[in-house]
Amino acid sequence: MTRALLSLSVLLGCALCAGARATVSVVDDAGQTVTLAQPAQRVISLAPHVTELLFAAGGGARIVGTVSYSDYPPQAREIPRVGDNKALDLERIAALKPDLIVVWRHGNAQKQTDRLRALGLPLFFSEPRKLDGIPGNIERLGTLMGTEPAAGAAAASFRQQIDKLRQTYAARAPVTVFYQVWQQPLMTLNGQHLISDVLALCGGRNLFASESLLVPTVSVESVVAGNPEVMMTASMGATRADRPLPDFAMWERWKQVTAVARGNLYAIDGDLVNRAGPRLARGAEIICKDLDEARARRPAQ
């Protein structure tokens, strides 16, 4: 083989190696393999928590479209909107020429996501059900965008925060919790929901963990019969109040319920607990402290 042919062979081999390295592939939260010919440069986020995950993974500058309420970090407010979790502007999404769309598995309209898939656009479904799923999402999104160093650092930081809370609170005396999602109809969460995993982290027991539906409707009587020691809900920017919270006012007549009798009624900033993103570590810290406060209010034995 001549020197010229040898050089050409080496160059072609390097090109093929580079091409192989450019292909990226991960498995999403729906169990589907997502493969891209090269790391994504134009990403669309279809949920606020997804936007936060993408920024954490080092890909904030690559987001070319997102949905309503994607307001964190502050830079996210400048990103063009392509709809909300109920209605998407499919034409605008297509016009933005994304090479990756990150979808909220059970939050985005199924028919519209099916249409996006029919257009041949790569979809990554994100819906962490456990705390460990959040850093996992960050790392996989980092792989798809080629931003592994930033994603790895963010994932490690989240895990460290959660591990610290687990070491501090998980072995403490259990606290039965009723987590109120909605008042009318009265709705809660079962044990498969991410928030239930947060409660367990803090030594809490979800009163309705055994329900079959992810977000079941329950009766007032079943809550009273369960006699939770703590009642929690998510509010917009709320913290604990000294007087009855609006969402909990209905419970004031049920003085026999331990949570009501002891004033263990807590509202957590919804952005910290309703979004399966990095800030959930802060939300978990608040929940752990609230449950510890409830423990401190137990009568002396």
Protein backbone atom coordinates (compact mmCIF):
# COMPACT_ATOMS: atom_id res chain seq x y z
CA MET A 1 0.00 0.00 0.00
CA THR A 2 1.42 3.38 -1.00
CA ARG A 3 1.91 6.14 1.53
CA ALA A 4 -0.89 8.18 -0.08
CA LEU A 5 -3.37 5.29 0.10
CA LEU A 6 -2.34 4.56 3.67
CA SER A 7 -2.96 8.19 4.67
CA LEU A 8 -6.35 8.15 2.98
CA SER A 9 -7.26 4.93 4.79
CA VAL A 10 -6.31 6.44 8.13
CA LEU A 11 -8.35 9.57 7.42
CA LEU A 12 -11.40 7.53 6.43
CA GLY A 13 -11.02 5.40 9.53
CA CYS A 14 -10.87 8.46 11.75
CA ALA A 15 -13.95 9.90 10.06
CA LEU A 16 -15.86 6.67 10.66
CA CYS A 17 -14.78 6.64 14.30
CA ALA A 18 -15.88 10.24 14.74
CA GLY A 19 -19.24 9.41 13.18
CA ALA A 20 -19.68 6.47 15.53
CA ARG A 21 -18.89 8.63 18.51
CA ALA A 22 -21.38 11.27 17.36
CA THR A 23 -24.32 8.85 17.58
CA VAL A 24 -25.97 9.05 21.01
CA SER A 25 -28.61 6.75 22.46
CA VAL A 26 -30.52 6.50 25.77
CA VAL A 27 -33.68 4.87 27.12
CA ASP A 28 -36.40 7.30 28.25
CA ASP A 29 -38.96 7.03 31.07
CA ALA A 30 -41.41 5.28 28.74
CA GLY A 31 -38.85 2.52 28.19
CA GLN A 32 -38.22 3.57 24.59
CA THR A 33 -34.77 3.91 23.07
CA VAL A 34 -34.00 7.40 21.75
CA THR A 35 -31.16 7.54 19.25
CA LEU A 36 -29.76 10.68 17.61
CA ALA A 37 -27.26 10.75 14.77
CA GLN A 38 -25.40 13.47 16.68
CA PRO A 39 -25.90 15.42 19.94
CA ALA A 40 -29.00 17.62 19.85
CA GLN A 41 -28.45 21.31 19.11
CA ARG A 42 -32.10 22.46 18.89
CA VAL A 43 -34.29 21.17 21.72
CA ILE A 44 -37.93 21.81 22.56
CA SER A 45 -39.17 21.35 26.13
CA LEU A 46 -42.85 20.54 26.59
CA ALA A 47 -43.03 20.90 30.39
CA PRO A 48 -41.68 23.31 33.02
CA HIS A 49 -39.85 20.54 34.88
CA VAL A 50 -38.23 19.47 31.60
CA THR A 51 -36.94 23.01 31.05
CA GLU A 52 -35.29 22.92 34.48
CA LEU A 53 -33.77 19.51 33.76
CA LEU A 54 -32.35 20.71 30.44
CA PHE A 55 -30.77 23.77 32.04
CA ALA A 56 -29.31 21.60 34.80
CA ALA A 57 -27.90 19.26 32.15
CA GLY A 58 -26.03 22.16 30.54
CA GLY A 59 -28.35 22.58 27.58
CA GLY A 60 -30.25 25.76 28.40
CA ALA A 61 -28.82 27.62 25.40
CA ARG A 62 -30.06 24.84 23.12
CA ILE A 63 -33.74 25.19 24.04
CA VAL A 64 -35.47 26.83 21.09
CA GLY A 65 -39.05 26.45 22.34
CA THR A 66 -40.92 25.64 25.52
CA VAL A 67 -44.38 25.88 27.12
CA SER A 68 -46.25 28.13 29.51
CA TYR A 69 -44.99 28.34 33.11
CA SER A 70 -41.43 27.45 32.11
CA ASP A 71 -40.07 30.28 34.22
CA TYR A 72 -37.03 28.82 35.95
CA PRO A 73 -34.19 29.56 35.78
CA PRO A 74 -34.92 33.22 34.87
CA GLN A 75 -33.36 32.77 31.41
CA ALA A 76 -36.16 30.36 30.58
CA ARG A 77 -38.65 33.23 30.46
CA GLU A 78 -37.06 34.48 27.25
CA ILE A 79 -37.55 31.24 25.34
CA PRO A 80 -40.35 31.29 22.70
CA ARG A 81 -43.57 29.51 23.71
CA VAL A 82 -45.07 26.70 21.65
CA GLY A 83 -48.20 26.10 23.77
CA ASP A 84 -48.96 24.53 27.13
CA ASN A 85 -49.60 21.05 28.54
CA LYS A 86 -53.11 21.02 27.03
CA ALA A 87 -52.53 22.47 23.56
CA LEU A 88 -49.38 22.60 21.45
CA ASP A 89 -48.71 24.71 18.36
CA LEU A 90 -47.57 21.87 16.14
CA GLU A 91 -46.84 24.12 13.16
CA ARG A 92 -44.57 26.33 15.22
CA ILE A 93 -42.82 23.32 16.70
CA ALA A 94 -42.11 21.95 13.23
CA ALA A 95 -40.95 25.37 12.02
CA LEU A 96 -38.35 25.51 14.80
CA LYS A 97 -36.72 22.39 13.28
CA PRO A 98 -35.90 20.66 16.57
CA ASP A 99 -33.61 17.67 16.61
CA LEU A 100 -35.01 16.61 20.02
CA ILE A 101 -38.35 17.15 21.79
CA VAL A 102 -38.59 16.33 25.49
CA VAL A 103 -42.14 15.41 26.48
CA TRP A 104 -43.91 15.07 29.83
CA ARG A 105 -45.16 11.52 29.51
CA HIS A 106 -48.55 11.91 31.21
CA GLY A 107 -48.82 15.69 31.11
CA ASN A 108 -48.84 16.41 27.38
CA ALA A 109 -51.85 15.59 25.23
CA GLN A 110 -51.40 12.08 23.85
CA LYS A 111 -52.88 12.83 20.43
CA GLN A 112 -50.52 15.75 19.89
CA THR A 113 -47.43 13.86 20.95
CA ASP A 114 -48.49 11.07 18.60
CA ARG A 115 -48.65 13.62 15.78
CA LEU A 116 -45.16 14.84 16.66
CA ARG A 117 -43.89 11.29 16.49
CA ALA A 118 -45.64 10.83 13.14
CA LEU A 119 -43.64 13.78 11.83
CA GLY A 120 -40.49 11.80 12.55
CA LEU A 121 -39.31 14.10 15.35
CA PRO A 122 -37.25 12.37 18.09
CA LEU A 123 -39.12 12.32 21.41
CA PHE A 124 -37.72 11.72 24.88
CA PHE A 125 -40.41 11.04 27.49
CA SER A 126 -39.61 12.42 30.94
CA GLU A 127 -41.57 11.48 34.05
CA PRO A 128 -39.46 10.60 37.11
CA ARG A 129 -41.47 8.56 39.60
CA LYS A 130 -38.66 8.22 42.13
CA LEU A 131 -36.09 10.70 43.43
CA ASP A 132 -33.33 8.70 41.74
CA GLY A 133 -35.08 9.35 38.43
CA ILE A 134 -34.27 13.06 38.52
CA PRO A 135 -30.47 12.78 38.32
CA GLY A 136 -31.00 9.92 35.88
CA ASN A 137 -32.99 12.24 33.61
CA ILE A 138 -30.33 14.92 33.87
CA GLU A 139 -27.60 12.48 32.86
CA ARG A 140 -29.55 11.02 29.93
CA LEU A 141 -30.47 14.46 28.62
CA GLY A 142 -26.80 15.40 28.95
CA THR A 143 -25.92 12.38 26.82
CA LEU A 144 -28.43 13.38 24.15
CA MET A 145 -27.03 16.92 24.05
CA GLY A 146 -23.36 16.03 24.41
CA THR A 147 -23.12 18.00 27.66
CA GLU A 148 -22.11 15.11 29.90
CA PRO A 149 -19.69 17.02 32.20
CA ALA A 150 -22.29 19.61 33.23
CA ALA A 151 -25.01 17.00 33.50
CA GLY A 152 -22.83 14.71 35.59
CA ALA A 153 -21.98 17.49 38.03
CA ALA A 154 -25.64 18.50 38.43
CA ALA A 155 -26.73 14.88 38.92
CA ALA A 156 -24.03 14.29 41.53
CA SER A 157 -25.04 17.44 43.42
CA PHE A 158 -28.69 16.34 43.53
CA ARG A 159 -27.78 12.87 44.75
CA GLN A 160 -25.57 14.32 47.50
CA GLN A 161 -28.41 16.53 48.74
CA ILE A 162 -30.87 13.64 48.79
CA ASP A 163 -28.38 11.28 50.47
CA LYS A 164 -27.81 13.84 53.20
CA LEU A 165 -31.56 14.10 53.86
CA ARG A 166 -31.91 10.31 53.85
CA GLN A 167 -29.14 9.92 56.40
CA THR A 168 -30.71 12.58 58.60
CA TYR A 169 -34.41 11.71 58.50
CA ALA A 170 -35.23 8.29 57.08
CA ALA A 171 -34.74 6.43 60.39
CA ARG A 172 -36.86 8.83 62.45
CA ALA A 173 -40.24 7.93 63.88
CA PRO A 174 -42.83 7.53 61.09
CA VAL A 175 -45.41 10.25 60.47
CA THR A 176 -48.67 9.52 58.65
CA VAL A 177 -49.33 12.19 56.02
CA PHE A 178 -52.37 13.15 53.96
CA TYR A 179 -51.17 14.99 50.87
CA GLN A 180 -53.98 17.06 49.40
CA VAL A 181 -53.75 17.76 45.68
CA TRP A 182 -57.19 19.29 45.19
CA GLN A 183 -60.09 20.23 47.44
CA GLN A 184 -63.17 19.77 45.27
CA PRO A 185 -63.15 16.96 44.40
CA LEU A 186 -60.84 15.89 47.17
CA MET A 187 -57.77 14.37 45.53
CA THR A 188 -54.49 12.94 46.75
CA LEU A 189 -51.53 10.86 45.48
CA ASN A 190 -50.77 7.16 45.72
CA GLY A 191 -47.52 5.45 46.59
CA GLN A 192 -46.25 5.44 43.00
CA HIS A 193 -46.06 9.22 42.82
CA LEU A 194 -42.76 11.05 43.18
CA ILE A 195 -44.03 13.05 46.16
CA SER A 196 -44.74 9.81 48.00
CA ASP A 197 -41.08 8.94 47.57
CA VAL A 198 -40.18 12.32 49.06
CA LEU A 199 -42.39 11.61 52.07
CA ALA A 200 -40.69 8.24 52.56
CA LEU A 201 -37.29 9.95 52.40
CA CYS A 202 -38.34 12.06 55.38
CA GLY A 203 -39.83 9.21 57.37
CA GLY A 204 -43.37 9.99 56.24
CA ARG A 205 -46.08 7.47 55.39
CA ASN A 206 -48.52 8.35 52.64
CA LEU A 207 -52.03 7.72 54.01
CA PHE A 208 -53.28 6.64 50.59
CA ALA A 209 -50.17 4.89 49.26
CA SER A 210 -52.14 1.73 48.47
CA GLU A 211 -54.62 3.39 46.10
CA SER A 212 -54.47 2.06 42.55
CA LEU A 213 -54.78 5.39 40.73
CA LEU A 214 -51.81 7.75 40.65
CA VAL A 215 -54.06 10.69 41.61
CA PRO A 216 -57.13 9.17 43.30
CA THR A 217 -60.27 10.92 44.50
CA VAL A 218 -60.98 10.19 48.18
CA SER A 219 -63.71 11.03 50.66
CA VAL A 220 -63.52 13.30 53.68
CA GLU A 221 -64.64 10.34 55.78
CA SER A 222 -61.68 8.22 54.63
CA VAL A 223 -59.25 10.98 55.56
CA VAL A 224 -60.83 11.41 58.98
CA ALA A 225 -60.79 7.65 59.54
CA GLY A 226 -57.12 7.52 58.57
CA ASN A 227 -56.35 10.21 61.18
CA PRO A 228 -53.19 11.66 59.58
CA GLU A 229 -50.70 13.35 61.86
CA VAL A 230 -49.81 15.83 59.11
CA MET A 231 -51.71 17.39 56.22
CA MET A 232 -49.77 18.88 53.31
CA THR A 233 -50.55 20.60 50.06
CA ALA A 234 -48.73 22.54 47.36
CA SER A 235 -49.43 26.24 47.00
CA MET A 236 -48.09 28.97 44.76
CA GLY A 237 -45.07 30.26 46.58
CA ALA A 238 -46.61 29.38 49.95
CA THR A 239 -44.92 28.54 53.21
CA ARG A 240 -46.42 27.50 56.49
CA ALA A 241 -49.03 29.92 57.82
CA ASP A 242 -49.96 30.64 61.45
CA ARG A 243 -53.68 30.69 60.62
CA PRO A 244 -55.62 28.04 58.67
CA LEU A 245 -54.58 27.90 55.05
CA PRO A 246 -57.37 28.41 52.48
CA ASP A 247 -57.00 24.85 51.18
CA PHE A 248 -57.23 23.48 54.70
CA ALA A 249 -60.05 25.66 56.05
CA MET A 250 -62.55 22.85 55.42
CA TRP A 251 -60.72 20.65 57.92
CA GLU A 252 -61.08 23.01 60.88
CA ARG A 253 -64.31 21.34 61.95
CA TRP A 254 -62.59 17.96 62.25
CA LYS A 255 -60.78 18.58 65.53
CA GLN A 256 -60.49 14.86 66.20
CA VAL A 257 -57.97 14.56 63.38
CA THR A 258 -54.48 14.75 64.86
CA ALA A 259 -53.13 17.03 62.12
CA VAL A 260 -55.89 19.56 62.78
CA ALA A 261 -55.72 19.32 66.57
CA ARG A 262 -51.98 19.97 66.63
CA GLY A 263 -51.88 22.52 63.81
CA ASN A 264 -49.78 20.28 61.57
CA LEU A 265 -51.09 21.84 58.35
CA TYR A 266 -48.40 22.70 55.84
CA ALA A 267 -48.32 24.27 52.40
CA ILE A 268 -45.17 23.93 50.31
CA ASP A 269 -44.15 26.11 47.36
CA GLY A 270 -45.63 24.18 44.46
CA ASP A 271 -42.69 24.97 42.18
CA LEU A 272 -40.44 23.07 44.58
CA VAL A 273 -42.53 19.90 44.78
CA ASN A 274 -44.69 19.74 41.65
CA ARG A 275 -41.76 19.90 39.24
CA ALA A 276 -39.59 16.83 38.95
CA GLY A 277 -36.42 18.87 38.61
CA PRO A 278 -33.33 19.79 40.64
CA ARG A 279 -35.25 22.13 42.96
CA LEU A 280 -37.14 19.17 44.39
CA ALA A 281 -34.15 18.63 46.68
CA ARG A 282 -35.03 21.96 48.35
CA GLY A 283 -38.70 20.97 48.49
CA ALA A 284 -37.75 17.67 50.12
CA GLU A 285 -35.68 19.50 52.71
CA ILE A 286 -38.67 21.65 53.65
CA ILE A 287 -40.98 18.63 53.89
CA CYS A 288 -38.48 16.83 56.11
CA LYS A 289 -38.29 19.80 58.45
CA ASP A 290 -42.08 20.06 58.59
CA LEU A 291 -42.42 16.40 59.53
CA ASP A 292 -39.77 16.87 62.20
CA GLU A 293 -41.75 19.80 63.58
CA ALA A 294 -44.81 17.54 63.75
CA ARG A 295 -42.79 14.97 65.68
CA ALA A 296 -41.76 17.67 68.15
CA ARG A 297 -45.43 18.46 68.81
CA ARG A 298 -46.21 14.98 70.06
CA PRO A 299 -47.25 14.83 73.71
CA ALA A 300 -44.50 13.80 76.07
CA GLN A 301 -44.66 10.12 76.93
